[in-house]
């Protein structure tokens, strides 16, 4: 154990002592999912008022639809979600590099060839939101009946701005 894992374990013990929601159903009650970035400055539940059991929240670097597609398919096809809310954010690290930069860092620091990996960076935030929404809409794995919207979360203010309406 580390100092961190000891603290996490203690925090969990406090949480579990008052936990009363163990009987929630497996499918999300409000039938939607949020696909957002893994950035530590984003708390999707707090920012959007998502209660435990309401929605699936998928997080990955850059809120990538390509990276999140597997989870989107499982959420909609196996667990009944009918809406996707894609949220990228200001100040995203994915805006700060190109694939070549990431490959060079991996080579330098790990001595490994990562050229077969697309790190999915993007140079324009709003265009990336539009592109990912379009990717999901065009996917054969996402039915036309699924509503998809695209948003930008402003880390500076906590506000979300709609870029692509559902």
N, C-alpha and C. Protein backbone atom coordinates (compact mmCIF):
# COMPACT_ATOMS: atom_id res chain seq x y z
N UNK A 1 0.85 -1.18 0.00
CA UNK A 1 0.00 0.00 0.00
C UNK A 1 0.89 1.25 0.00
N UNK A 2 0.34 2.30 -0.55
CA UNK A 2 1.03 3.59 -0.57
C UNK A 2 0.23 4.58 0.27
N UNK A 3 0.79 5.74 0.49
CA UNK A 3 0.05 6.78 1.21
C UNK A 3 -1.25 7.09 0.47
N UNK A 4 -1.17 7.15 -0.85
CA UNK A 4 -2.37 7.43 -1.65
C UNK A 4 -3.41 6.34 -1.50
N UNK A 5 -3.01 5.08 -1.69
CA UNK A 5 -4.00 4.00 -1.61
C UNK A 5 -4.55 3.84 -0.20
N UNK A 6 -3.75 4.13 0.81
CA UNK A 6 -4.25 4.12 2.19
C UNK A 6 -5.35 5.17 2.36
N UNK A 7 -5.11 6.37 1.83
CA UNK A 7 -6.10 7.44 1.93
C UNK A 7 -7.36 7.09 1.15
N UNK A 8 -7.19 6.54 -0.04
CA UNK A 8 -8.36 6.16 -0.84
C UNK A 8 -9.17 5.08 -0.13
N UNK A 9 -8.49 4.14 0.48
CA UNK A 9 -9.17 3.07 1.21
C UNK A 9 -9.95 3.63 2.40
N UNK A 10 -9.35 4.56 3.12
CA UNK A 10 -10.03 5.19 4.26
C UNK A 10 -11.24 6.00 3.79
N UNK A 11 -11.07 6.74 2.69
CA UNK A 11 -12.19 7.50 2.14
C UNK A 11 -13.32 6.57 1.74
N UNK A 12 -12.98 5.43 1.14
CA UNK A 12 -14.01 4.49 0.74
C UNK A 12 -14.74 3.90 1.93
N UNK A 13 -14.03 3.64 3.00
CA UNK A 13 -14.67 3.10 4.21
C UNK A 13 -15.72 4.08 4.72
N UNK A 14 -15.40 5.37 4.70
CA UNK A 14 -16.38 6.38 5.13
C UNK A 14 -17.58 6.41 4.20
N UNK A 15 -17.31 6.35 2.90
CA UNK A 15 -18.38 6.35 1.89
C UNK A 15 -19.28 5.13 2.07
N UNK A 16 -18.67 3.97 2.17
CA UNK A 16 -19.42 2.73 2.26
C UNK A 16 -20.26 2.65 3.54
N UNK A 17 -19.79 3.28 4.61
CA UNK A 17 -20.51 3.24 5.88
C UNK A 17 -21.89 3.87 5.79
N UNK A 18 -22.04 4.85 4.90
CA UNK A 18 -23.34 5.49 4.74
C UNK A 18 -24.03 5.19 3.42
N UNK A 19 -23.50 4.20 2.67
CA UNK A 19 -24.01 3.90 1.34
C UNK A 19 -25.38 3.23 1.42
N UNK A 20 -26.34 3.76 0.67
CA UNK A 20 -27.72 3.24 0.69
C UNK A 20 -28.28 2.98 -0.71
N UNK A 21 -27.42 3.02 -1.72
CA UNK A 21 -27.93 2.91 -3.09
C UNK A 21 -27.54 1.60 -3.77
N UNK A 22 -27.33 0.57 -3.02
CA UNK A 22 -26.92 -0.71 -3.58
C UNK A 22 -27.98 -1.43 -4.37
N UNK A 23 -29.21 -0.92 -4.36
CA UNK A 23 -30.30 -1.58 -5.07
C UNK A 23 -30.64 -0.90 -6.40
N UNK A 24 -29.81 0.01 -6.88
CA UNK A 24 -30.07 0.67 -8.15
C UNK A 24 -30.00 -0.35 -9.28
N UNK A 25 -30.82 -0.14 -10.31
CA UNK A 25 -30.84 -1.02 -11.48
C UNK A 25 -29.56 -0.85 -12.29
N UNK A 26 -29.18 -1.88 -13.03
CA UNK A 26 -28.00 -1.83 -13.88
C UNK A 26 -28.11 -0.77 -14.99
N UNK A 27 -29.19 -0.75 -15.76
CA UNK A 27 -29.28 0.28 -16.81
C UNK A 27 -29.45 1.66 -16.20
N UNK A 28 -28.90 2.68 -16.84
CA UNK A 28 -29.06 4.04 -16.30
C UNK A 28 -30.52 4.48 -16.35
N UNK A 29 -31.00 5.00 -15.25
CA UNK A 29 -32.42 5.35 -15.09
C UNK A 29 -32.90 6.38 -16.11
N UNK A 30 -32.04 7.32 -16.47
CA UNK A 30 -32.46 8.39 -17.39
C UNK A 30 -32.05 8.12 -18.83
N UNK A 31 -31.52 6.93 -19.09
CA UNK A 31 -31.25 6.43 -20.44
C UNK A 31 -30.35 7.31 -21.30
N UNK A 32 -29.33 7.91 -20.69
CA UNK A 32 -28.37 8.67 -21.48
C UNK A 32 -26.97 8.38 -21.00
N UNK A 33 -26.02 8.77 -21.83
CA UNK A 33 -24.62 8.65 -21.44
C UNK A 33 -23.91 9.95 -21.75
N UNK A 34 -22.92 10.23 -20.96
CA UNK A 34 -22.06 11.40 -21.15
C UNK A 34 -20.69 10.87 -21.51
N UNK A 35 -20.15 11.36 -22.61
CA UNK A 35 -18.79 11.03 -23.02
C UNK A 35 -17.97 12.30 -22.85
N UNK A 36 -17.05 12.26 -21.90
CA UNK A 36 -16.25 13.45 -21.61
C UNK A 36 -14.79 13.09 -21.39
N UNK A 37 -14.00 14.09 -21.16
CA UNK A 37 -12.55 13.91 -21.01
C UNK A 37 -12.21 13.41 -19.60
N UNK A 38 -11.05 12.80 -19.51
CA UNK A 38 -10.56 12.29 -18.22
C UNK A 38 -9.93 13.39 -17.37
N UNK A 39 -9.89 14.61 -17.88
CA UNK A 39 -9.26 15.73 -17.20
C UNK A 39 -9.77 15.83 -15.75
N UNK A 40 -8.85 15.94 -14.82
CA UNK A 40 -9.19 15.97 -13.39
C UNK A 40 -9.95 17.23 -12.98
N UNK A 41 -9.99 18.24 -13.85
CA UNK A 41 -10.73 19.47 -13.52
C UNK A 41 -12.21 19.37 -13.83
N UNK A 42 -12.65 18.24 -14.36
CA UNK A 42 -14.06 18.06 -14.73
C UNK A 42 -14.71 17.07 -13.77
N UNK A 43 -15.80 17.49 -13.17
CA UNK A 43 -16.63 16.60 -12.34
C UNK A 43 -17.99 16.55 -13.01
N UNK A 44 -18.20 15.59 -13.92
CA UNK A 44 -19.44 15.57 -14.69
C UNK A 44 -20.71 15.50 -13.83
N UNK A 45 -20.66 14.73 -12.77
CA UNK A 45 -21.84 14.61 -11.91
C UNK A 45 -22.21 15.96 -11.30
N UNK A 46 -21.23 16.65 -10.76
CA UNK A 46 -21.50 17.95 -10.15
C UNK A 46 -21.87 19.00 -11.18
N UNK A 47 -21.15 19.03 -12.29
CA UNK A 47 -21.38 20.06 -13.31
C UNK A 47 -22.73 19.92 -14.00
N UNK A 48 -23.23 18.69 -14.11
CA UNK A 48 -24.46 18.45 -14.86
C UNK A 48 -25.62 17.97 -13.99
N UNK A 49 -25.39 17.81 -12.71
CA UNK A 49 -26.45 17.34 -11.82
C UNK A 49 -26.82 15.88 -12.04
N UNK A 50 -25.83 15.08 -12.33
CA UNK A 50 -26.07 13.65 -12.57
C UNK A 50 -26.06 12.92 -11.22
N UNK A 51 -27.16 12.30 -10.90
CA UNK A 51 -27.26 11.52 -9.66
C UNK A 51 -26.80 10.09 -9.92
N UNK A 52 -26.35 9.42 -8.89
CA UNK A 52 -25.94 8.03 -8.99
C UNK A 52 -27.09 7.22 -9.60
N UNK A 53 -26.78 6.46 -10.63
CA UNK A 53 -27.79 5.63 -11.29
C UNK A 53 -28.47 6.28 -12.47
N UNK A 54 -28.28 7.60 -12.68
CA UNK A 54 -28.95 8.31 -13.77
C UNK A 54 -28.39 7.99 -15.15
N UNK A 55 -27.06 7.94 -15.27
CA UNK A 55 -26.43 7.91 -16.59
C UNK A 55 -25.12 7.15 -16.56
N UNK A 56 -24.69 6.74 -17.73
CA UNK A 56 -23.33 6.25 -17.88
C UNK A 56 -22.43 7.45 -18.13
N UNK A 57 -21.26 7.44 -17.54
CA UNK A 57 -20.28 8.49 -17.79
C UNK A 57 -19.02 7.80 -18.29
N UNK A 58 -18.67 8.10 -19.53
CA UNK A 58 -17.49 7.53 -20.18
C UNK A 58 -16.44 8.62 -20.23
N UNK A 59 -15.24 8.30 -19.77
CA UNK A 59 -14.16 9.29 -19.76
C UNK A 59 -12.93 8.72 -20.45
N UNK A 60 -12.36 9.52 -21.32
CA UNK A 60 -11.09 9.16 -21.94
C UNK A 60 -10.37 10.45 -22.33
N UNK A 61 -9.13 10.33 -22.75
CA UNK A 61 -8.35 11.49 -23.13
C UNK A 61 -9.01 12.21 -24.30
N UNK A 62 -9.43 13.44 -24.08
CA UNK A 62 -10.02 14.26 -25.13
C UNK A 62 -11.48 14.01 -25.42
N UNK A 63 -12.16 13.19 -24.64
CA UNK A 63 -13.56 12.85 -24.90
C UNK A 63 -13.72 12.32 -26.32
N UNK A 64 -12.83 11.42 -26.70
CA UNK A 64 -12.80 10.89 -28.06
C UNK A 64 -13.93 9.91 -28.33
N UNK A 65 -14.72 10.21 -29.37
CA UNK A 65 -15.78 9.30 -29.79
C UNK A 65 -15.18 8.01 -30.37
N UNK A 66 -14.05 8.14 -31.05
CA UNK A 66 -13.39 6.96 -31.61
C UNK A 66 -12.98 6.02 -30.48
N UNK A 67 -12.35 6.56 -29.47
CA UNK A 67 -11.90 5.79 -28.32
C UNK A 67 -13.07 5.28 -27.48
N UNK A 68 -14.17 6.02 -27.45
CA UNK A 68 -15.30 5.66 -26.61
C UNK A 68 -16.37 4.82 -27.29
N UNK A 69 -16.22 4.55 -28.58
CA UNK A 69 -17.28 3.86 -29.33
C UNK A 69 -17.68 2.53 -28.71
N UNK A 70 -16.72 1.75 -28.28
CA UNK A 70 -17.03 0.44 -27.67
C UNK A 70 -17.99 0.61 -26.50
N UNK A 71 -17.72 1.57 -25.64
CA UNK A 71 -18.58 1.81 -24.48
C UNK A 71 -19.94 2.37 -24.90
N UNK A 72 -19.94 3.22 -25.92
CA UNK A 72 -21.21 3.76 -26.43
C UNK A 72 -22.10 2.62 -26.93
N UNK A 73 -21.52 1.70 -27.69
CA UNK A 73 -22.29 0.56 -28.22
C UNK A 73 -22.86 -0.27 -27.08
N UNK A 74 -22.03 -0.59 -26.11
CA UNK A 74 -22.50 -1.40 -24.97
C UNK A 74 -23.62 -0.67 -24.24
N UNK A 75 -23.44 0.63 -24.01
CA UNK A 75 -24.43 1.42 -23.29
C UNK A 75 -25.78 1.42 -24.00
N UNK A 76 -25.76 1.64 -25.30
CA UNK A 76 -27.03 1.73 -26.03
C UNK A 76 -27.62 0.37 -26.38
N UNK A 77 -26.79 -0.54 -26.84
CA UNK A 77 -27.31 -1.83 -27.31
C UNK A 77 -27.64 -2.81 -26.19
N UNK A 78 -26.84 -2.80 -25.13
CA UNK A 78 -27.06 -3.76 -24.05
C UNK A 78 -27.78 -3.17 -22.85
N UNK A 79 -27.70 -1.84 -22.70
CA UNK A 79 -28.25 -1.24 -21.49
C UNK A 79 -29.27 -0.13 -21.75
N UNK A 80 -29.66 0.05 -23.00
CA UNK A 80 -30.84 0.85 -23.32
C UNK A 80 -30.72 2.35 -23.34
N UNK A 81 -29.52 2.91 -23.39
CA UNK A 81 -29.44 4.37 -23.47
C UNK A 81 -29.89 4.84 -24.85
N UNK A 82 -30.45 6.04 -24.89
CA UNK A 82 -31.01 6.57 -26.13
C UNK A 82 -30.48 7.95 -26.48
N UNK A 83 -29.55 8.44 -25.69
CA UNK A 83 -28.99 9.77 -25.95
C UNK A 83 -27.53 9.81 -25.54
N UNK A 84 -26.72 10.50 -26.36
CA UNK A 84 -25.30 10.69 -26.08
C UNK A 84 -25.03 12.18 -25.96
N UNK A 85 -24.39 12.56 -24.86
CA UNK A 85 -23.97 13.94 -24.63
C UNK A 85 -22.46 13.94 -24.63
N UNK A 86 -21.85 14.47 -25.70
CA UNK A 86 -20.40 14.50 -25.84
C UNK A 86 -19.90 15.85 -25.37
N UNK A 87 -18.96 15.84 -24.42
CA UNK A 87 -18.48 17.10 -23.85
C UNK A 87 -16.95 17.14 -23.86
N UNK A 88 -16.40 18.00 -24.69
CA UNK A 88 -14.96 18.29 -24.65
C UNK A 88 -14.80 19.53 -23.77
N UNK A 89 -13.57 20.04 -23.62
CA UNK A 89 -13.41 21.18 -22.71
C UNK A 89 -12.28 22.10 -23.12
N UNK A 90 -12.37 23.32 -22.63
CA UNK A 90 -11.32 24.29 -22.85
C UNK A 90 -10.05 23.83 -22.13
N UNK A 91 -8.92 24.25 -22.65
CA UNK A 91 -7.66 23.92 -22.01
C UNK A 91 -7.30 22.46 -22.06
N UNK A 92 -7.85 21.72 -23.01
CA UNK A 92 -7.60 20.29 -23.10
C UNK A 92 -6.18 20.01 -23.56
N UNK A 93 -5.55 19.05 -22.93
CA UNK A 93 -4.19 18.67 -23.31
C UNK A 93 -4.10 18.14 -24.74
N UNK A 94 -5.20 17.63 -25.27
CA UNK A 94 -5.19 17.08 -26.63
C UNK A 94 -5.00 18.16 -27.68
N UNK A 95 -5.14 19.42 -27.27
CA UNK A 95 -4.91 20.56 -28.16
C UNK A 95 -3.44 20.95 -28.23
N UNK A 96 -2.61 20.35 -27.40
CA UNK A 96 -1.24 20.84 -27.21
C UNK A 96 -0.16 20.05 -27.94
N UNK A 97 -0.53 19.01 -28.65
CA UNK A 97 0.50 18.20 -29.31
C UNK A 97 -0.06 17.56 -30.58
N UNK A 98 0.84 17.02 -31.36
CA UNK A 98 0.50 16.22 -32.55
C UNK A 98 0.96 14.79 -32.28
N UNK A 99 0.46 13.86 -33.06
CA UNK A 99 0.86 12.46 -32.90
C UNK A 99 2.37 12.31 -32.90
N UNK A 100 3.05 13.02 -33.80
CA UNK A 100 4.50 12.90 -33.90
C UNK A 100 5.18 13.27 -32.59
N UNK A 101 4.65 14.27 -31.90
CA UNK A 101 5.20 14.68 -30.61
C UNK A 101 5.07 13.56 -29.58
N UNK A 102 3.89 12.95 -29.52
CA UNK A 102 3.66 11.86 -28.57
C UNK A 102 4.55 10.66 -28.89
N UNK A 103 4.68 10.33 -30.17
CA UNK A 103 5.54 9.21 -30.56
C UNK A 103 6.99 9.46 -30.15
N UNK A 104 7.45 10.70 -30.33
CA UNK A 104 8.83 11.04 -29.97
C UNK A 104 9.05 10.93 -28.46
N UNK A 105 8.09 11.37 -27.67
CA UNK A 105 8.21 11.28 -26.21
C UNK A 105 8.23 9.83 -25.75
N UNK A 106 7.34 9.02 -26.31
CA UNK A 106 7.31 7.60 -25.94
C UNK A 106 8.64 6.94 -26.31
N UNK A 107 9.15 7.25 -27.49
CA UNK A 107 10.43 6.67 -27.91
C UNK A 107 11.56 7.10 -26.98
N UNK A 108 11.58 8.38 -26.65
CA UNK A 108 12.66 8.91 -25.79
C UNK A 108 12.57 8.35 -24.37
N UNK A 109 11.38 8.34 -23.79
CA UNK A 109 11.24 7.97 -22.39
C UNK A 109 11.12 6.47 -22.14
N UNK A 110 10.55 5.75 -23.11
CA UNK A 110 10.34 4.32 -22.92
C UNK A 110 11.16 3.45 -23.86
N UNK A 111 11.72 4.07 -24.90
CA UNK A 111 12.45 3.29 -25.88
C UNK A 111 11.54 2.39 -26.70
N UNK A 112 10.27 2.76 -26.79
CA UNK A 112 9.29 1.94 -27.49
C UNK A 112 8.74 2.68 -28.71
N UNK A 113 8.41 1.91 -29.74
CA UNK A 113 7.84 2.47 -30.96
C UNK A 113 6.32 2.50 -30.85
N UNK A 114 5.75 3.70 -30.75
CA UNK A 114 4.30 3.85 -30.63
C UNK A 114 3.65 4.35 -31.91
N UNK A 115 4.38 4.27 -33.03
CA UNK A 115 3.84 4.83 -34.27
C UNK A 115 2.56 4.15 -34.73
N UNK A 116 2.26 2.99 -34.22
CA UNK A 116 1.01 2.32 -34.56
C UNK A 116 -0.18 2.82 -33.76
N UNK A 117 0.06 3.75 -32.84
CA UNK A 117 -1.00 4.29 -31.99
C UNK A 117 -1.37 5.69 -32.46
N UNK A 118 -2.66 5.91 -32.67
CA UNK A 118 -3.16 7.26 -32.94
C UNK A 118 -3.61 7.81 -31.59
N UNK A 119 -2.93 8.83 -31.10
CA UNK A 119 -3.26 9.41 -29.81
C UNK A 119 -4.47 10.33 -29.89
N UNK A 120 -4.99 10.55 -31.09
CA UNK A 120 -6.22 11.30 -31.35
C UNK A 120 -6.18 12.75 -30.85
N UNK A 121 -5.06 13.45 -31.06
CA UNK A 121 -5.04 14.87 -30.69
C UNK A 121 -5.89 15.66 -31.69
N UNK A 122 -6.20 16.90 -31.34
CA UNK A 122 -6.95 17.75 -32.26
C UNK A 122 -6.49 19.20 -32.10
N UNK A 123 -6.48 19.96 -33.21
CA UNK A 123 -5.98 21.33 -33.15
C UNK A 123 -7.06 22.38 -32.89
N UNK A 124 -8.34 22.02 -33.06
CA UNK A 124 -9.43 22.99 -32.94
C UNK A 124 -10.54 22.37 -32.10
N UNK A 125 -10.84 22.97 -30.97
CA UNK A 125 -11.78 22.40 -30.00
C UNK A 125 -13.19 22.25 -30.57
N UNK A 126 -13.77 23.33 -31.06
CA UNK A 126 -15.15 23.24 -31.56
C UNK A 126 -15.26 22.32 -32.76
N UNK A 127 -14.27 22.34 -33.63
CA UNK A 127 -14.29 21.44 -34.78
C UNK A 127 -14.19 19.99 -34.33
N UNK A 128 -13.41 19.74 -33.29
CA UNK A 128 -13.28 18.37 -32.76
C UNK A 128 -14.62 17.89 -32.20
N UNK A 129 -15.37 18.78 -31.55
CA UNK A 129 -16.71 18.42 -31.06
C UNK A 129 -17.58 18.03 -32.25
N UNK A 130 -17.60 18.87 -33.27
CA UNK A 130 -18.41 18.60 -34.47
C UNK A 130 -17.99 17.30 -35.13
N UNK A 131 -16.69 17.08 -35.25
CA UNK A 131 -16.18 15.87 -35.90
C UNK A 131 -16.59 14.62 -35.13
N UNK A 132 -16.49 14.66 -33.80
CA UNK A 132 -16.85 13.48 -33.01
C UNK A 132 -18.35 13.20 -33.02
N UNK A 133 -19.15 14.24 -32.99
CA UNK A 133 -20.61 14.05 -33.10
C UNK A 133 -20.93 13.42 -34.46
N UNK A 134 -20.31 13.94 -35.50
CA UNK A 134 -20.52 13.40 -36.84
C UNK A 134 -20.05 11.95 -36.94
N UNK A 135 -18.94 11.65 -36.32
CA UNK A 135 -18.42 10.27 -36.30
C UNK A 135 -19.47 9.33 -35.70
N UNK A 136 -20.05 9.70 -34.58
CA UNK A 136 -21.06 8.86 -33.95
C UNK A 136 -22.32 8.76 -34.80
N UNK A 137 -22.74 9.88 -35.38
CA UNK A 137 -23.94 9.87 -36.21
C UNK A 137 -23.78 9.00 -37.45
N UNK A 138 -22.57 8.94 -37.99
CA UNK A 138 -22.32 8.15 -39.19
C UNK A 138 -22.00 6.69 -38.89
N UNK A 139 -21.76 6.37 -37.64
CA UNK A 139 -21.38 5.00 -37.28
C UNK A 139 -22.55 4.04 -37.50
N UNK A 140 -22.24 2.92 -38.10
CA UNK A 140 -23.26 1.90 -38.29
C UNK A 140 -23.71 1.30 -36.95
N UNK A 141 -22.94 1.55 -35.90
CA UNK A 141 -23.22 0.99 -34.59
C UNK A 141 -24.07 1.91 -33.70
N UNK A 142 -24.39 3.08 -34.21
CA UNK A 142 -25.22 4.03 -33.46
C UNK A 142 -26.47 4.30 -34.29
N UNK A 143 -27.62 3.79 -33.86
CA UNK A 143 -28.85 3.97 -34.62
C UNK A 143 -29.24 5.45 -34.78
N UNK A 144 -29.92 5.75 -35.85
CA UNK A 144 -30.39 7.12 -36.10
C UNK A 144 -31.30 7.62 -34.98
N UNK A 145 -31.93 6.70 -34.27
CA UNK A 145 -32.86 7.09 -33.20
C UNK A 145 -32.14 7.64 -31.96
N UNK A 146 -30.83 7.40 -31.86
CA UNK A 146 -30.06 7.90 -30.72
C UNK A 146 -29.78 9.38 -30.93
N UNK A 147 -30.18 10.20 -29.98
CA UNK A 147 -29.91 11.63 -30.05
C UNK A 147 -28.48 11.88 -29.60
N UNK A 148 -27.77 12.73 -30.34
CA UNK A 148 -26.37 13.02 -30.03
C UNK A 148 -26.17 14.53 -30.05
N UNK A 149 -25.61 15.05 -28.98
CA UNK A 149 -25.30 16.48 -28.94
C UNK A 149 -23.83 16.66 -28.56
N UNK A 150 -23.29 17.83 -28.90
CA UNK A 150 -21.90 18.13 -28.61
C UNK A 150 -21.76 19.43 -27.84
N UNK A 151 -20.90 19.43 -26.85
CA UNK A 151 -20.76 20.55 -25.93
C UNK A 151 -19.30 20.86 -25.65
N UNK A 152 -19.04 22.05 -25.13
CA UNK A 152 -17.74 22.42 -24.60
C UNK A 152 -17.94 22.87 -23.16
N UNK A 153 -17.21 22.23 -22.26
CA UNK A 153 -17.20 22.63 -20.85
C UNK A 153 -16.07 23.63 -20.67
N UNK A 154 -16.38 24.74 -20.05
CA UNK A 154 -15.37 25.77 -19.82
C UNK A 154 -14.77 25.55 -18.43
N UNK A 155 -13.52 25.08 -18.38
CA UNK A 155 -12.89 24.79 -17.09
C UNK A 155 -12.71 26.06 -16.25
N UNK A 156 -12.69 27.19 -16.92
CA UNK A 156 -12.49 28.46 -16.21
C UNK A 156 -13.74 28.92 -15.47
N UNK A 157 -14.94 28.54 -15.97
CA UNK A 157 -16.19 29.04 -15.39
C UNK A 157 -17.13 27.95 -14.89
N UNK A 158 -16.91 26.71 -15.34
CA UNK A 158 -17.82 25.62 -14.98
C UNK A 158 -19.04 25.53 -15.87
N UNK A 159 -19.15 26.41 -16.86
CA UNK A 159 -20.31 26.41 -17.75
C UNK A 159 -20.11 25.48 -18.93
N UNK A 160 -21.22 24.97 -19.47
CA UNK A 160 -21.18 24.20 -20.72
C UNK A 160 -21.84 25.03 -21.81
N UNK A 161 -21.29 24.92 -23.01
CA UNK A 161 -21.80 25.65 -24.18
C UNK A 161 -22.16 24.61 -25.23
N UNK A 162 -23.39 24.68 -25.74
CA UNK A 162 -23.83 23.73 -26.77
C UNK A 162 -23.23 24.12 -28.11
N UNK A 163 -22.55 23.17 -28.74
CA UNK A 163 -21.94 23.39 -30.05
C UNK A 163 -22.76 22.70 -31.14
N UNK A 164 -23.23 21.48 -30.86
CA UNK A 164 -24.06 20.72 -31.79
C UNK A 164 -25.32 20.28 -31.06
N UNK A 165 -26.47 20.88 -31.39
CA UNK A 165 -27.72 20.47 -30.74
C UNK A 165 -28.10 19.04 -31.12
N UNK A 166 -28.84 18.39 -30.25
CA UNK A 166 -29.31 17.02 -30.53
C UNK A 166 -30.33 17.03 -31.64
